């Protein structure tokens, strides 16, 4: 599994940037450069799963539940 697969399984750049309150361009750059090691270490449950099946899409903190 690579970082692009993780990003897509989490819901894409927009979902990740909204969830963490990060700039869209910053997260978009991860698709080319990879997810920074510091981010992976800070959020291992999200960015270092054992398998792709463990990943569930992120919901932005400010979104109302469906």
PDB file of N, CA and C in Angstrom:
ATOM      1  N   UNK A   1       0.855  -1.168   0.000  1.00  0.00           N
ATOM      2  CA  UNK A   1       0.000   0.000   0.000  1.00  0.00           C
ATOM      3  C   UNK A   1       0.896   1.224   0.000  1.00  0.00           C
ATOM      4  N   UNK A   2       0.518   2.217  -0.795  1.00  0.00           N
ATOM      5  CA  UNK A   2       1.317   3.434  -0.839  1.00  0.00           C
ATOM      6  C   UNK A   2       0.506   4.623  -0.320  1.00  0.00           C
ATOM      7  N   UNK A   3       1.167   5.767  -0.187  1.00  0.00           N
ATOM      8  CA  UNK A   3       0.509   6.932   0.383  1.00  0.00           C
ATOM      9  C   UNK A   3      -0.681   7.407  -0.443  1.00  0.00           C
ATOM     10  N   UNK A   4      -0.589   7.308  -1.766  1.00  0.00           N
ATOM     11  CA  UNK A   4      -1.719   7.711  -2.608  1.00  0.00           C
ATOM     12  C   UNK A   4      -2.950   6.850  -2.340  1.00  0.00           C
ATOM     13  N   UNK A   5      -2.743   5.564  -2.150  1.00  0.00           N
ATOM     14  CA  UNK A   5      -3.874   4.680  -1.838  1.00  0.00           C
ATOM     15  C   UNK A   5      -4.492   5.055  -0.496  1.00  0.00           C
ATOM     16  N   UNK A   6      -3.669   5.372   0.465  1.00  0.00           N
ATOM     17  CA  UNK A   6      -4.180   5.775   1.787  1.00  0.00           C
ATOM     18  C   UNK A   6      -4.974   7.067   1.665  1.00  0.00           C
ATOM     19  N   UNK A   7      -4.428   8.035   0.948  1.00  0.00           N
ATOM     20  CA  UNK A   7      -5.128   9.314   0.765  1.00  0.00           C
ATOM     21  C   UNK A   7      -6.482   9.089   0.120  1.00  0.00           C
ATOM     22  N   UNK A   8      -6.533   8.295  -0.912  1.00  0.00           N
ATOM     23  CA  UNK A   8      -7.805   8.039  -1.598  1.00  0.00           C
ATOM     24  C   UNK A   8      -8.791   7.297  -0.703  1.00  0.00           C
ATOM     25  N   UNK A   9      -8.346   6.321   0.047  1.00  0.00           N
ATOM     26  CA  UNK A   9      -9.232   5.567   0.946  1.00  0.00           C
ATOM     27  C   UNK A   9      -9.780   6.445   2.064  1.00  0.00           C
ATOM     28  N   UNK A  10      -9.004   7.451   2.471  1.00  0.00           N
ATOM     29  CA  UNK A  10      -9.461   8.360   3.532  1.00  0.00           C
ATOM     30  C   UNK A  10     -10.497   9.360   3.016  1.00  0.00           C
ATOM     31  N   UNK A  11     -10.697   9.392   1.717  1.00  0.00           N
ATOM     32  CA  UNK A  11     -11.697  10.293   1.140  1.00  0.00           C
ATOM     33  C   UNK A  11     -11.098  11.347   0.235  1.00  0.00           C
ATOM     34  N   UNK A  12      -9.805  11.300   0.044  1.00  0.00           N
ATOM     35  CA  UNK A  12      -9.142  12.239  -0.859  1.00  0.00           C
ATOM     36  C   UNK A  12      -8.565  13.439  -0.132  1.00  0.00           C
ATOM     37  N   UNK A  13      -7.929  14.273  -0.917  1.00  0.00           N
ATOM     38  CA  UNK A  13      -7.238  15.461  -0.392  1.00  0.00           C
ATOM     39  C   UNK A  13      -8.199  16.376   0.346  1.00  0.00           C
ATOM     40  N   UNK A  14      -9.350  16.623  -0.229  1.00  0.00           N
ATOM     41  CA  UNK A  14     -10.319  17.537   0.380  1.00  0.00           C
ATOM     42  C   UNK A  14     -10.778  17.044   1.750  1.00  0.00           C
ATOM     43  N   UNK A  15     -11.071  15.760   1.852  1.00  0.00           N
ATOM     44  CA  UNK A  15     -11.526  15.196   3.131  1.00  0.00           C
ATOM     45  C   UNK A  15     -10.440  15.301   4.196  1.00  0.00           C
ATOM     46  N   UNK A  16      -9.211  15.011   3.837  1.00  0.00           N
ATOM     47  CA  UNK A  16      -8.113  15.071   4.806  1.00  0.00           C
ATOM     48  C   UNK A  16      -7.853  16.504   5.225  1.00  0.00           C
ATOM     49  N   UNK A  17      -7.802  17.415   4.264  1.00  0.00           N
ATOM     50  CA  UNK A  17      -7.529  18.812   4.614  1.00  0.00           C
ATOM     51  C   UNK A  17      -8.648  19.390   5.482  1.00  0.00           C
ATOM     52  N   UNK A  18      -9.884  19.031   5.213  1.00  0.00           N
ATOM     53  CA  UNK A  18     -11.001  19.499   6.045  1.00  0.00           C
ATOM     54  C   UNK A  18     -10.947  18.893   7.439  1.00  0.00           C
ATOM     55  N   UNK A  19     -10.681  17.611   7.526  1.00  0.00           N
ATOM     56  CA  UNK A  19     -10.655  16.899   8.810  1.00  0.00           C
ATOM     57  C   UNK A  19      -9.595  17.480   9.743  1.00  0.00           C
ATOM     58  N   UNK A  20      -8.415  17.751   9.204  1.00  0.00           N
ATOM     59  CA  UNK A  20      -7.317  18.243  10.024  1.00  0.00           C
ATOM     60  C   UNK A  20      -7.197  19.762  10.027  1.00  0.00           C
ATOM     61  N   UNK A  21      -8.021  20.457   9.247  1.00  0.00           N
ATOM     62  CA  UNK A  21      -7.947  21.912   9.185  1.00  0.00           C
ATOM     63  C   UNK A  21      -6.658  22.396   8.530  1.00  0.00           C
ATOM     64  N   UNK A  22      -6.175  21.615   7.558  1.00  0.00           N
ATOM     65  CA  UNK A  22      -4.938  21.960   6.848  1.00  0.00           C
ATOM     66  C   UNK A  22      -5.280  22.569   5.499  1.00  0.00           C
ATOM     67  N   UNK A  23      -4.325  23.299   4.961  1.00  0.00           N
ATOM     68  CA  UNK A  23      -4.461  23.870   3.638  1.00  0.00           C
ATOM     69  C   UNK A  23      -4.563  22.750   2.599  1.00  0.00           C
ATOM     70  N   UNK A  24      -5.474  22.891   1.656  1.00  0.00           N
ATOM     71  CA  UNK A  24      -5.690  21.885   0.621  1.00  0.00           C
ATOM     72  C   UNK A  24      -4.390  21.590  -0.137  1.00  0.00           C
ATOM     73  N   UNK A  25      -3.667  22.641  -0.521  1.00  0.00           N
ATOM     74  CA  UNK A  25      -2.446  22.464  -1.309  1.00  0.00           C
ATOM     75  C   UNK A  25      -1.400  21.662  -0.550  1.00  0.00           C
ATOM     76  N   UNK A  26      -1.323  21.863   0.753  1.00  0.00           N
ATOM     77  CA  UNK A  26      -0.369  21.115   1.576  1.00  0.00           C
ATOM     78  C   UNK A  26      -0.638  19.615   1.473  1.00  0.00           C
ATOM     79  N   UNK A  27      -1.891  19.239   1.634  1.00  0.00           N
ATOM     80  CA  UNK A  27      -2.250  17.823   1.573  1.00  0.00           C
ATOM     81  C   UNK A  27      -2.121  17.311   0.141  1.00  0.00           C
ATOM     82  N   UNK A  28      -2.475  18.123  -0.831  1.00  0.00           N
ATOM     83  CA  UNK A  28      -2.339  17.725  -2.237  1.00  0.00           C
ATOM     84  C   UNK A  28      -0.890  17.362  -2.555  1.00  0.00           C
ATOM     85  N   UNK A  29       0.054  18.108  -2.010  1.00  0.00           N
ATOM     86  CA  UNK A  29       1.475  17.838  -2.250  1.00  0.00           C
ATOM     87  C   UNK A  29       1.886  16.462  -1.738  1.00  0.00           C
ATOM     88  N   UNK A  30       1.189  15.929  -0.758  1.00  0.00           N
ATOM     89  CA  UNK A  30       1.497  14.594  -0.240  1.00  0.00           C
ATOM     90  C   UNK A  30       1.347  13.530  -1.324  1.00  0.00           C
ATOM     91  N   UNK A  31       0.501  13.785  -2.308  1.00  0.00           N
ATOM     92  CA  UNK A  31       0.309  12.805  -3.377  1.00  0.00           C
ATOM     93  C   UNK A  31       1.587  12.611  -4.181  1.00  0.00           C
ATOM     94  N   UNK A  32       2.410  13.647  -4.293  1.00  0.00           N
ATOM     95  CA  UNK A  32       3.675  13.546  -5.019  1.00  0.00           C
ATOM     96  C   UNK A  32       4.842  13.257  -4.080  1.00  0.00           C
ATOM     97  N   UNK A  33       4.844  13.903  -2.921  1.00  0.00           N
ATOM     98  CA  UNK A  33       5.989  13.821  -2.009  1.00  0.00           C
ATOM     99  C   UNK A  33       5.854  12.738  -0.951  1.00  0.00           C
ATOM    100  N   UNK A  34       4.630  12.256  -0.769  1.00  0.00           N
ATOM    101  CA  UNK A  34       4.371  11.284   0.292  1.00  0.00           C
ATOM    102  C   UNK A  34       3.883  11.985   1.550  1.00  0.00           C
ATOM    103  N   UNK A  35       3.193  11.246   2.367  1.00  0.00           N
ATOM    104  CA  UNK A  35       2.700  11.776   3.645  1.00  0.00           C
ATOM    105  C   UNK A  35       3.915  11.947   4.552  1.00  0.00           C
ATOM    106  N   UNK A  36       4.099  13.138   5.133  1.00  0.00           N
ATOM    107  CA  UNK A  36       5.267  13.364   5.990  1.00  0.00           C
ATOM    108  C   UNK A  36       5.331  12.370   7.154  1.00  0.00           C
ATOM    109  N   UNK A  37       6.537  11.937   7.474  1.00  0.00           N
ATOM    110  CA  UNK A  37       6.733  10.983   8.566  1.00  0.00           C
ATOM    111  C   UNK A  37       6.179  11.510   9.876  1.00  0.00           C
ATOM    112  N   UNK A  38       6.330  12.803  10.129  1.00  0.00           N
ATOM    113  CA  UNK A  38       5.828  13.389  11.375  1.00  0.00           C
ATOM    114  C   UNK A  38       4.312  13.254  11.479  1.00  0.00           C
ATOM    115  N   UNK A  39       3.616  13.413  10.366  1.00  0.00           N
ATOM    116  CA  UNK A  39       2.155  13.258  10.349  1.00  0.00           C
ATOM    117  C   UNK A  39       1.797  11.807  10.627  1.00  0.00           C
ATOM    118  N   UNK A  40       2.512  10.890  10.016  1.00  0.00           N
ATOM    119  CA  UNK A  40       2.247   9.465  10.245  1.00  0.00           C
ATOM    120  C   UNK A  40       2.461   9.087  11.705  1.00  0.00           C
ATOM    121  N   UNK A  41       3.507   9.615  12.295  1.00  0.00           N
ATOM    122  CA  UNK A  41       3.803   9.303  13.702  1.00  0.00           C
ATOM    123  C   UNK A  41       2.760   9.930  14.620  1.00  0.00           C
ATOM    124  N   UNK A  42       2.318  11.142  14.302  1.00  0.00           N
ATOM    125  CA  UNK A  42       1.308  11.816  15.130  1.00  0.00           C
ATOM    126  C   UNK A  42      -0.063  11.153  15.039  1.00  0.00           C
ATOM    127  N   UNK A  43      -0.379  10.558  13.896  1.00  0.00           N
ATOM    128  CA  UNK A  43      -1.700   9.948  13.670  1.00  0.00           C
ATOM    129  C   UNK A  43      -1.550   8.539  13.099  1.00  0.00           C
ATOM    130  N   UNK A  44      -0.926   7.630  13.837  1.00  0.00           N
ATOM    131  CA  UNK A  44      -0.674   6.291  13.284  1.00  0.00           C
ATOM    132  C   UNK A  44      -1.942   5.503  12.967  1.00  0.00           C
ATOM    133  N   UNK A  45      -3.000   5.700  13.746  1.00  0.00           N
ATOM    134  CA  UNK A  45      -4.241   4.961  13.486  1.00  0.00           C
ATOM    135  C   UNK A  45      -4.849   5.331  12.133  1.00  0.00           C
ATOM    136  N   UNK A  46      -4.577   6.544  11.685  1.00  0.00           N
ATOM    137  CA  UNK A  46      -5.138   7.010  10.416  1.00  0.00           C
ATOM    138  C   UNK A  46      -4.191   6.737   9.256  1.00  0.00           C
ATOM    139  N   UNK A  47      -2.910   7.042   9.420  1.00  0.00           N
ATOM    140  CA  UNK A  47      -1.970   7.008   8.310  1.00  0.00           C
ATOM    141  C   UNK A  47      -1.042   5.798   8.255  1.00  0.00           C
ATOM    142  N   UNK A  48      -1.109   4.903   9.249  1.00  0.00           N
ATOM    143  CA  UNK A  48      -0.266   3.700   9.210  1.00  0.00           C
ATOM    144  C   UNK A  48      -1.085   2.445   9.501  1.00  0.00           C
ATOM    145  N   UNK A  49      -2.106   2.197   8.684  1.00  0.00           N
ATOM    146  CA  UNK A  49      -2.925   0.997   8.900  1.00  0.00           C
ATOM    147  C   UNK A  49      -2.165  -0.268   8.502  1.00  0.00           C
ATOM    148  N   UNK A  50      -2.597  -1.385   9.041  1.00  0.00           N
ATOM    149  CA  UNK A  50      -1.994  -2.663   8.675  1.00  0.00           C
ATOM    150  C   UNK A  50      -2.438  -3.110   7.290  1.00  0.00           C
ATOM    151  N   UNK A  51      -3.652  -2.707   6.895  1.00  0.00           N
ATOM    152  CA  UNK A  51      -4.163  -3.055   5.569  1.00  0.00           C
ATOM    153  C   UNK A  51      -5.102  -1.962   5.083  1.00  0.00           C
ATOM    154  N   UNK A  52      -5.353  -1.912   3.791  1.00  0.00           N
ATOM    155  CA  UNK A  52      -6.269  -0.919   3.230  1.00  0.00           C
ATOM    156  C   UNK A  52      -7.691  -1.099   3.752  1.00  0.00           C
ATOM    157  N   UNK A  53      -8.053  -2.323   4.105  1.00  0.00           N
ATOM    158  CA  UNK A  53      -9.403  -2.592   4.596  1.00  0.00           C
ATOM    159  C   UNK A  53      -9.676  -1.906   5.936  1.00  0.00           C
ATOM    160  N   UNK A  54      -8.632  -1.574   6.677  1.00  0.00           N
ATOM    161  CA  UNK A  54      -8.791  -0.898   7.974  1.00  0.00           C
ATOM    162  C   UNK A  54      -9.121   0.578   7.836  1.00  0.00           C
ATOM    163  N   UNK A  55      -8.932   1.137   6.662  1.00  0.00           N
ATOM    164  CA  UNK A  55      -9.098   2.575   6.457  1.00  0.00           C
ATOM    165  C   UNK A  55     -10.562   2.893   6.184  1.00  0.00           C
ATOM    166  N   UNK A  56     -11.092   3.875   6.923  1.00  0.00           N
ATOM    167  CA  UNK A  56     -12.441   4.361   6.666  1.00  0.00           C
ATOM    168  C   UNK A  56     -12.351   5.842   6.308  1.00  0.00           C
ATOM    169  N   UNK A  57     -13.209   6.310   5.415  1.00  0.00           N
ATOM    170  CA  UNK A  57     -13.170   7.718   5.011  1.00  0.00           C
ATOM    171  C   UNK A  57     -13.349   8.654   6.197  1.00  0.00           C
ATOM    172  N   UNK A  58     -12.637   9.775   6.147  1.00  0.00           N
ATOM    173  CA  UNK A  58     -12.719  10.780   7.199  1.00  0.00           C
ATOM    174  C   UNK A  58     -13.927  11.670   6.979  1.00  0.00           C
ATOM    175  N   UNK A  59     -14.489  12.144   8.054  1.00  0.00           N
ATOM    176  CA  UNK A  59     -15.564  13.130   8.007  1.00  0.00           C
ATOM    177  C   UNK A  59     -15.015  14.413   8.593  1.00  0.00           C
ATOM    178  N   UNK A  60     -15.225  15.536   7.929  1.00  0.00           N
ATOM    179  CA  UNK A  60     -14.774  16.818   8.448  1.00  0.00           C
ATOM    180  C   UNK A  60     -15.430  17.070   9.802  1.00  0.00           C
ATOM    181  N   UNK A  61     -14.685  17.643  10.713  1.00  0.00           N
ATOM    182  CA  UNK A  61     -15.201  17.890  12.058  1.00  0.00           C
ATOM    183  C   UNK A  61     -16.402  18.828  12.075  1.00  0.00           C
ATOM    184  N   UNK A  62     -16.477  19.698  11.079  1.00  0.00           N
ATOM    185  CA  UNK A  62     -17.568  20.660  11.067  1.00  0.00           C
ATOM    186  C   UNK A  62     -18.771  20.206  10.250  1.00  0.00           C
ATOM    187  N   UNK A  63     -18.761  18.982   9.765  1.00  0.00           N
ATOM    188  CA  UNK A  63     -19.889  18.466   8.993  1.00  0.00           C
ATOM    189  C   UNK A  63     -20.958  17.905   9.916  1.00  0.00           C
ATOM    190  N   UNK A  64     -22.197  18.098   9.510  1.00  0.00           N
ATOM    191  CA  UNK A  64     -23.327  17.512  10.227  1.00  0.00           C
ATOM    192  C   UNK A  64     -23.437  16.041   9.832  1.00  0.00           C
ATOM    193  N   UNK A  65     -23.766  15.152  10.781  1.00  0.00           N
ATOM    194  CA  UNK A  65     -23.949  13.754  10.412  1.00  0.00           C
ATOM    195  C   UNK A  65     -25.094  13.589   9.431  1.00  0.00           C
ATOM    196  N   UNK A  66     -24.956  12.652   8.522  1.00  0.00           N
ATOM    197  CA  UNK A  66     -25.999  12.418   7.503  1.00  0.00           C
ATOM    198  C   UNK A  66     -27.201  11.739   8.098  1.00  0.00           C
TER     199      UNK A  66
END
